[in-house]
């Protein structure tokens, strides 16, 4: 019997990839799962209580798919 494992893509965000001098990193099963976590981080670490659309677009652009093995 052969067992095949299906690997689901994982996504990650590094705040430094969005242009900040910051070491924050987070990962999740979907890119959408990361958005609320990124907003919370932006609020408390960077005083962005309201994240402008253009800044959120920059955050979303910095979300990358993680290679899984």
C-alpha atoms as a PDB file:
ATOM      1  CA  UNK A   1       0.000   0.000   0.000  1.00  0.00           C
ATOM      2  CA  UNK A   2       1.317   3.411  -0.941  1.00  0.00           C
ATOM      3  CA  UNK A   3       0.487   6.447   1.093  1.00  0.00           C
ATOM      4  CA  UNK A   4       0.477   9.779  -0.669  1.00  0.00           C
ATOM      5  CA  UNK A   5       0.604  12.956   1.305  1.00  0.00           C
ATOM      6  CA  UNK A   6      -1.093  16.010  -0.054  1.00  0.00           C
ATOM      7  CA  UNK A   7       0.715  19.139   0.969  1.00  0.00           C
ATOM      8  CA  UNK A   8      -1.297  22.311   1.213  1.00  0.00           C
ATOM      9  CA  UNK A   9       0.382  25.559   0.349  1.00  0.00           C
ATOM     10  CA  UNK A  10       1.332  27.767   3.248  1.00  0.00           C
ATOM     11  CA  UNK A  11       1.660  31.509   3.078  1.00  0.00           C
ATOM     12  CA  UNK A  12       3.914  33.845   5.005  1.00  0.00           C
ATOM     13  CA  UNK A  13       4.352  37.543   5.562  1.00  0.00           C
ATOM     14  CA  UNK A  14       7.486  39.395   6.610  1.00  0.00           C
ATOM     15  CA  UNK A  15       6.960  42.988   7.649  1.00  0.00           C
ATOM     16  CA  UNK A  16      10.396  43.844   6.253  1.00  0.00           C
ATOM     17  CA  UNK A  17       9.134  42.783   2.790  1.00  0.00           C
ATOM     18  CA  UNK A  18       6.535  45.559   3.072  1.00  0.00           C
ATOM     19  CA  UNK A  19       9.229  48.188   3.606  1.00  0.00           C
ATOM     20  CA  UNK A  20       9.475  48.327   7.394  1.00  0.00           C
ATOM     21  CA  UNK A  21      12.611  47.860   9.475  1.00  0.00           C
ATOM     22  CA  UNK A  22      10.817  45.162  11.447  1.00  0.00           C
ATOM     23  CA  UNK A  23      11.413  41.495  12.194  1.00  0.00           C
ATOM     24  CA  UNK A  24       7.720  40.469  12.446  1.00  0.00           C
ATOM     25  CA  UNK A  25       6.857  37.284  10.535  1.00  0.00           C
ATOM     26  CA  UNK A  26       3.653  35.256  10.431  1.00  0.00           C
ATOM     27  CA  UNK A  27       2.409  32.312   8.389  1.00  0.00           C
ATOM     28  CA  UNK A  28      -0.901  30.635   7.736  1.00  0.00           C
ATOM     29  CA  UNK A  29      -2.830  28.248   5.540  1.00  0.00           C
ATOM     30  CA  UNK A  30      -4.237  31.012   3.333  1.00  0.00           C
ATOM     31  CA  UNK A  31      -3.290  34.554   2.434  1.00  0.00           C
ATOM     32  CA  UNK A  32      -6.701  35.705   3.686  1.00  0.00           C
ATOM     33  CA  UNK A  33      -5.954  34.178   7.094  1.00  0.00           C
ATOM     34  CA  UNK A  34      -2.940  36.468   7.426  1.00  0.00           C
ATOM     35  CA  UNK A  35      -4.733  39.766   6.784  1.00  0.00           C
ATOM     36  CA  UNK A  36      -6.292  40.240  10.267  1.00  0.00           C
ATOM     37  CA  UNK A  37      -2.993  39.265  11.899  1.00  0.00           C
ATOM     38  CA  UNK A  38      -1.140  41.798   9.756  1.00  0.00           C
ATOM     39  CA  UNK A  39      -3.654  44.520  10.664  1.00  0.00           C
ATOM     40  CA  UNK A  40      -3.255  43.805  14.387  1.00  0.00           C
ATOM     41  CA  UNK A  41       0.526  43.920  14.029  1.00  0.00           C
ATOM     42  CA  UNK A  42       0.337  47.192  12.064  1.00  0.00           C
ATOM     43  CA  UNK A  43      -1.809  48.729  14.791  1.00  0.00           C
ATOM     44  CA  UNK A  44       0.359  47.836  17.759  1.00  0.00           C
ATOM     45  CA  UNK A  45       3.840  47.873  16.238  1.00  0.00           C
ATOM     46  CA  UNK A  46       3.513  50.722  13.734  1.00  0.00           C
ATOM     47  CA  UNK A  47       0.645  52.826  15.155  1.00  0.00           C
ATOM     48  CA  UNK A  48      -1.495  52.273  12.057  1.00  0.00           C
ATOM     49  CA  UNK A  49      -4.900  52.324  13.715  1.00  0.00           C
ATOM     50  CA  UNK A  50      -6.598  52.662  10.328  1.00  0.00           C
ATOM     51  CA  UNK A  51      -4.670  50.858   7.595  1.00  0.00           C
ATOM     52  CA  UNK A  52      -5.061  52.843   4.347  1.00  0.00           C
ATOM     53  CA  UNK A  53      -6.017  50.870   1.245  1.00  0.00           C
ATOM     54  CA  UNK A  54      -2.655  51.512  -0.446  1.00  0.00           C
ATOM     55  CA  UNK A  55      -0.775  50.294   2.649  1.00  0.00           C
ATOM     56  CA  UNK A  56      -2.953  47.166   2.891  1.00  0.00           C
ATOM     57  CA  UNK A  57      -2.266  46.519  -0.792  1.00  0.00           C
ATOM     58  CA  UNK A  58       1.477  46.725  -0.029  1.00  0.00           C
ATOM     59  CA  UNK A  59       1.017  44.281   2.843  1.00  0.00           C
ATOM     60  CA  UNK A  60      -0.929  41.889   0.592  1.00  0.00           C
ATOM     61  CA  UNK A  61       1.752  42.128  -2.092  1.00  0.00           C
ATOM     62  CA  UNK A  62       4.334  41.075   0.524  1.00  0.00           C
ATOM     63  CA  UNK A  63       2.468  37.806   1.287  1.00  0.00           C
ATOM     64  CA  UNK A  64       4.363  34.942  -0.332  1.00  0.00           C
ATOM     65  CA  UNK A  65       3.671  31.279  -0.850  1.00  0.00           C
ATOM     66  CA  UNK A  66       5.946  29.094   1.257  1.00  0.00           C
ATOM     67  CA  UNK A  67       7.644  26.091  -0.298  1.00  0.00           C
ATOM     68  CA  UNK A  68       6.603  22.932   1.491  1.00  0.00           C
ATOM     69  CA  UNK A  69       8.215  19.539   1.280  1.00  0.00           C
END
